[in-house]
Amino acid sequence: MGTGETVFWILMAVLTPISIGSFAAVVWWMLRPRGEIESAKRVDRIWQQRDIWGEALCRRLIEQHVEPEMTPEMVRLAWGEPQAVRRLETGDEQWLYNDAATDIVSFKSGRVTTAMRSTPKRGLVWGPWPIIAILLGISALVSMIALGVVFLS
């Protein structure tokens, strides 16, 4: 097998999985579940209660504010379902909203007594584009090495 043929097969072995990976990343990005639909449904469910709860309270729930005297239904609409529920010896409840237990809502007699929420941390959001850029960089590097092997041999 000649050098050119060897380089061709190396390029095929390296670049084909990278191309397939890039394509798969784009397909995943396009088909991934999006939170906008769920958020719109949540806002709609809150807004349907406007005549009962009042416009100001509905706006606070839409903004995900939980305050004393709110009901469990209001908390569910604001923050969603809790990850865990602790029943205390006093009969009170605590709803936990994350693994670190920093988002807690305490209830007494079916009403919120305290609500603590840590500030959400915005992580790095990786769409397919940075991944594709990295994969294309790897492809370019492999191509340069292959060309170097062909022309410097």
C-alpha atoms as a PDB file:
ATOM      1  CA  MET A   1       0.000   0.000   0.000  1.00  0.00           C
ATOM      2  CA  GLY A   2       1.443   3.377  -1.012  1.00  0.00           C
ATOM      3  CA  THR A   3       1.734   6.469   1.149  1.00  0.00           C
ATOM      4  CA  GLY A   4      -1.136   8.211  -0.621  1.00  0.00           C
ATOM      5  CA  GLU A   5      -3.461   5.278  -0.087  1.00  0.00           C
ATOM      6  CA  THR A   6      -2.453   5.030   3.582  1.00  0.00           C
ATOM      7  CA  VAL A   7      -3.149   8.736   4.070  1.00  0.00           C
ATOM      8  CA  PHE A   8      -6.535   8.349   2.361  1.00  0.00           C
ATOM      9  CA  TRP A   9      -7.575   5.550   4.732  1.00  0.00           C
ATOM     10  CA  ILE A  10      -6.321   7.485   7.751  1.00  0.00           C
ATOM     11  CA  LEU A  11      -8.396  10.466   6.657  1.00  0.00           C
ATOM     12  CA  MET A  12     -11.431   8.244   6.134  1.00  0.00           C
ATOM     13  CA  ALA A  13     -10.978   6.590   9.544  1.00  0.00           C
ATOM     14  CA  VAL A  14     -10.661   9.929  11.355  1.00  0.00           C
ATOM     15  CA  LEU A  15     -12.894  12.312   9.434  1.00  0.00           C
ATOM     16  CA  THR A  16     -15.906  10.026   8.918  1.00  0.00           C
ATOM     17  CA  PRO A  17     -16.711   9.629  12.654  1.00  0.00           C
ATOM     18  CA  ILE A  18     -16.137  13.360  13.160  1.00  0.00           C
ATOM     19  CA  SER A  19     -18.577  14.181  10.356  1.00  0.00           C
ATOM     20  CA  ILE A  20     -21.161  11.742  11.694  1.00  0.00           C
ATOM     21  CA  GLY A  21     -20.688  13.161  15.216  1.00  0.00           C
ATOM     22  CA  SER A  22     -21.192  16.720  13.945  1.00  0.00           C
ATOM     23  CA  PHE A  23     -24.328  15.723  12.073  1.00  0.00           C
ATOM     24  CA  ALA A  24     -25.682  13.885  15.137  1.00  0.00           C
ATOM     25  CA  ALA A  25     -25.005  16.951  17.330  1.00  0.00           C
ATOM     26  CA  VAL A  26     -26.990  19.191  14.984  1.00  0.00           C
ATOM     27  CA  VAL A  27     -29.876  16.703  14.776  1.00  0.00           C
ATOM     28  CA  TRP A  28     -29.958  16.404  18.589  1.00  0.00           C
ATOM     29  CA  TRP A  29     -29.934  20.204  18.955  1.00  0.00           C
ATOM     30  CA  MET A  30     -32.839  20.597  16.548  1.00  0.00           C
ATOM     31  CA  LEU A  31     -34.963  17.803  18.089  1.00  0.00           C
ATOM     32  CA  ARG A  32     -34.180  18.367  21.791  1.00  0.00           C
ATOM     33  CA  PRO A  33     -37.091  19.082  24.135  1.00  0.00           C
ATOM     34  CA  ARG A  34     -37.568  22.769  24.741  1.00  0.00           C
ATOM     35  CA  GLY A  35     -38.787  24.435  27.907  1.00  0.00           C
ATOM     36  CA  GLU A  36     -40.710  27.216  26.154  1.00  0.00           C
ATOM     37  CA  ILE A  37     -43.825  25.098  25.610  1.00  0.00           C
ATOM     38  CA  GLU A  38     -43.878  23.890  29.225  1.00  0.00           C
ATOM     39  CA  SER A  39     -43.298  27.438  30.454  1.00  0.00           C
ATOM     40  CA  ALA A  40     -46.152  28.779  28.310  1.00  0.00           C
ATOM     41  CA  LYS A  41     -48.501  26.115  29.707  1.00  0.00           C
ATOM     42  CA  ARG A  42     -47.445  27.018  33.253  1.00  0.00           C
ATOM     43  CA  VAL A  43     -48.110  30.716  32.651  1.00  0.00           C
ATOM     44  CA  ASP A  44     -51.486  29.880  31.102  1.00  0.00           C
ATOM     45  CA  ARG A  45     -52.484  27.749  34.127  1.00  0.00           C
ATOM     46  CA  ILE A  46     -51.513  30.590  36.472  1.00  0.00           C
ATOM     47  CA  TRP A  47     -53.292  33.232  34.413  1.00  0.00           C
ATOM     48  CA  GLN A  48     -56.513  31.172  34.427  1.00  0.00           C
ATOM     49  CA  GLN A  49     -56.662  31.797  38.202  1.00  0.00           C
ATOM     50  CA  ARG A  50     -56.490  35.597  37.759  1.00  0.00           C
ATOM     51  CA  ASP A  51     -60.136  36.160  38.779  1.00  0.00           C
ATOM     52  CA  ILE A  52     -59.678  34.123  41.976  1.00  0.00           C
ATOM     53  CA  TRP A  53     -56.160  35.136  43.071  1.00  0.00           C
ATOM     54  CA  GLY A  54     -55.871  38.582  41.543  1.00  0.00           C
ATOM     55  CA  GLU A  55     -53.558  39.907  38.871  1.00  0.00           C
ATOM     56  CA  ALA A  56     -50.725  40.948  41.220  1.00  0.00           C
ATOM     57  CA  LEU A  57     -50.419  37.490  42.794  1.00  0.00           C
ATOM     58  CA  CYS A  58     -50.541  35.804  39.385  1.00  0.00           C
ATOM     59  CA  ARG A  59     -47.697  38.021  38.159  1.00  0.00           C
ATOM     60  CA  ARG A  60     -45.592  37.085  41.212  1.00  0.00           C
ATOM     61  CA  LEU A  61     -46.244  33.384  40.547  1.00  0.00           C
ATOM     62  CA  ILE A  62     -45.281  33.799  36.888  1.00  0.00           C
ATOM     63  CA  GLU A  63     -42.026  35.415  38.091  1.00  0.00           C
ATOM     64  CA  GLN A  64     -41.571  32.348  40.370  1.00  0.00           C
ATOM     65  CA  HIS A  65     -41.896  34.250  43.646  1.00  0.00           C
ATOM     66  CA  VAL A  66     -43.096  32.151  46.593  1.00  0.00           C
ATOM     67  CA  GLU A  67     -44.297  34.051  49.655  1.00  0.00           C
ATOM     68  CA  PRO A  68     -45.803  33.278  53.062  1.00  0.00           C
ATOM     69  CA  GLU A  69     -49.505  32.320  53.075  1.00  0.00           C
ATOM     70  CA  MET A  70     -49.398  30.813  49.572  1.00  0.00           C
ATOM     71  CA  THR A  71     -51.025  27.413  49.078  1.00  0.00           C
ATOM     72  CA  PRO A  72     -49.302  24.235  47.853  1.00  0.00           C
ATOM     73  CA  GLU A  73     -51.073  24.679  44.492  1.00  0.00           C
ATOM     74  CA  MET A  74     -49.530  28.131  44.102  1.00  0.00           C
ATOM     75  CA  VAL A  75     -46.072  26.821  44.982  1.00  0.00           C
ATOM     76  CA  ARG A  76     -46.399  24.011  42.428  1.00  0.00           C
ATOM     77  CA  LEU A  77     -47.343  26.543  39.761  1.00  0.00           C
ATOM     78  CA  ALA A  78     -44.428  28.808  40.687  1.00  0.00           C
ATOM     79  CA  TRP A  79     -41.618  26.267  41.231  1.00  0.00           C
ATOM     80  CA  GLY A  80     -43.016  22.966  39.953  1.00  0.00           C
ATOM     81  CA  GLU A  81     -43.125  19.615  41.723  1.00  0.00           C
ATOM     82  CA  PRO A  82     -40.663  19.211  44.610  1.00  0.00           C
ATOM     83  CA  GLN A  83     -37.917  16.605  44.416  1.00  0.00           C
ATOM     84  CA  ALA A  84     -38.667  15.492  47.945  1.00  0.00           C
ATOM     85  CA  VAL A  85     -41.181  16.181  50.717  1.00  0.00           C
ATOM     86  CA  ARG A  86     -40.149  16.020  54.380  1.00  0.00           C
ATOM     87  CA  ARG A  87     -42.865  15.555  56.971  1.00  0.00           C
ATOM     88  CA  LEU A  88     -41.753  16.951  60.312  1.00  0.00           C
ATOM     89  CA  GLU A  89     -42.805  15.672  63.742  1.00  0.00           C
ATOM     90  CA  THR A  90     -44.855  18.835  64.234  1.00  0.00           C
ATOM     91  CA  GLY A  91     -47.010  17.906  61.240  1.00  0.00           C
ATOM     92  CA  ASP A  92     -45.449  20.614  59.095  1.00  0.00           C
ATOM     93  CA  GLU A  93     -43.985  19.900  55.665  1.00  0.00           C
ATOM     94  CA  GLN A  94     -40.855  20.954  53.856  1.00  0.00           C
ATOM     95  CA  TRP A  95     -40.586  20.734  50.095  1.00  0.00           C
ATOM     96  CA  LEU A  96     -37.070  20.364  48.714  1.00  0.00           C
ATOM     97  CA  TYR A  97     -36.360  21.570  45.206  1.00  0.00           C
ATOM     98  CA  ASN A  98     -32.798  20.484  44.426  1.00  0.00           C
ATOM     99  CA  ASP A  99     -30.172  17.943  45.398  1.00  0.00           C
ATOM    100  CA  ALA A 100     -28.292  20.348  47.650  1.00  0.00           C
ATOM    101  CA  ALA A 101     -31.520  21.155  49.525  1.00  0.00           C
ATOM    102  CA  THR A 102     -30.976  24.901  49.204  1.00  0.00           C
ATOM    103  CA  ASP A 103     -34.395  25.556  47.693  1.00  0.00           C
ATOM    104  CA  ILE A 104     -36.882  24.820  50.470  1.00  0.00           C
ATOM    105  CA  VAL A 105     -40.515  25.741  51.069  1.00  0.00           C
ATOM    106  CA  SER A 106     -41.925  25.171  54.560  1.00  0.00           C
ATOM    107  CA  PHE A 107     -45.655  24.718  55.138  1.00  0.00           C
ATOM    108  CA  LYS A 108     -47.754  24.902  58.296  1.00  0.00           C
ATOM    109  CA  SER A 109     -51.467  24.080  58.105  1.00  0.00           C
ATOM    110  CA  GLY A 110     -51.339  24.039  54.306  1.00  0.00           C
ATOM    111  CA  ARG A 111     -49.811  27.514  53.951  1.00  0.00           C
ATOM    112  CA  VAL A 112     -46.267  28.650  53.185  1.00  0.00           C
ATOM    113  CA  THR A 113     -44.391  29.885  56.240  1.00  0.00           C
ATOM    114  CA  THR A 114     -40.941  30.326  54.657  1.00  0.00           C
ATOM    115  CA  ALA A 115     -39.459  29.950  51.210  1.00  0.00           C
ATOM    116  CA  MET A 116     -35.730  29.945  50.496  1.00  0.00           C
ATOM    117  CA  ARG A 117     -34.323  29.806  47.004  1.00  0.00           C
ATOM    118  CA  SER A 118     -30.697  29.956  46.038  1.00  0.00           C
ATOM    119  CA  THR A 119     -29.851  32.099  43.071  1.00  0.00           C
ATOM    120  CA  PRO A 120     -29.781  29.998  39.929  1.00  0.00           C
ATOM    121  CA  LYS A 121     -26.322  29.486  38.497  1.00  0.00           C
ATOM    122  CA  ARG A 122     -26.124  29.954  34.780  1.00  0.00           C
ATOM    123  CA  GLY A 123     -23.837  27.286  33.458  1.00  0.00           C
ATOM    124  CA  LEU A 124     -22.085  27.223  30.151  1.00  0.00           C
ATOM    125  CA  VAL A 125     -24.660  26.353  27.527  1.00  0.00           C
ATOM    126  CA  TRP A 126     -23.126  24.125  24.893  1.00  0.00           C
ATOM    127  CA  GLY A 127     -25.106  23.981  21.709  1.00  0.00           C
ATOM    128  CA  PRO A 128     -23.799  22.003  18.762  1.00  0.00           C
ATOM    129  CA  TRP A 129     -21.767  24.889  17.334  1.00  0.00           C
ATOM    130  CA  PRO A 130     -18.773  24.900  19.736  1.00  0.00           C
ATOM    131  CA  ILE A 131     -18.650  21.104  19.509  1.00  0.00           C
ATOM    132  CA  ILE A 132     -18.695  21.264  15.719  1.00  0.00           C
ATOM    133  CA  ALA A 133     -15.952  23.931  15.762  1.00  0.00           C
ATOM    134  CA  ILE A 134     -13.768  21.656  17.923  1.00  0.00           C
ATOM    135  CA  LEU A 135     -14.438  18.682  15.663  1.00  0.00           C
ATOM    136  CA  LEU A 136     -13.634  20.730  12.556  1.00  0.00           C
ATOM    137  CA  GLY A 137     -10.405  21.878  14.207  1.00  0.00           C
ATOM    138  CA  ILE A 138      -9.467  18.252  14.830  1.00  0.00           C
ATOM    139  CA  SER A 139     -10.345  17.462  11.207  1.00  0.00           C
ATOM    140  CA  ALA A 140      -8.135  20.298   9.958  1.00  0.00           C
ATOM    141  CA  LEU A 141      -5.247  19.159  12.178  1.00  0.00           C
ATOM    142  CA  VAL A 142      -5.507  15.567  10.956  1.00  0.00           C
ATOM    143  CA  SER A 143      -5.685  16.786   7.351  1.00  0.00           C
ATOM    144  CA  MET A 144      -2.541  18.905   7.801  1.00  0.00           C
ATOM    145  CA  ILE A 145      -0.683  15.986   9.357  1.00  0.00           C
ATOM    146  CA  ALA A 146      -1.794  13.734   6.495  1.00  0.00           C
ATOM    147  CA  LEU A 147      -0.697  16.280   3.885  1.00  0.00           C
ATOM    148  CA  GLY A 148       2.611  16.678   5.688  1.00  0.00           C
ATOM    149  CA  VAL A 149       3.139  12.918   5.569  1.00  0.00           C
ATOM    150  CA  VAL A 150       2.344  12.813   1.836  1.00  0.00           C
ATOM    151  CA  PHE A 151       4.533  15.763   0.806  1.00  0.00           C
ATOM    152  CA  LEU A 152       7.410  15.235   3.228  1.00  0.00           C
ATOM    153  CA  SER A 153       7.792  11.508   2.594  1.00  0.00           C
END
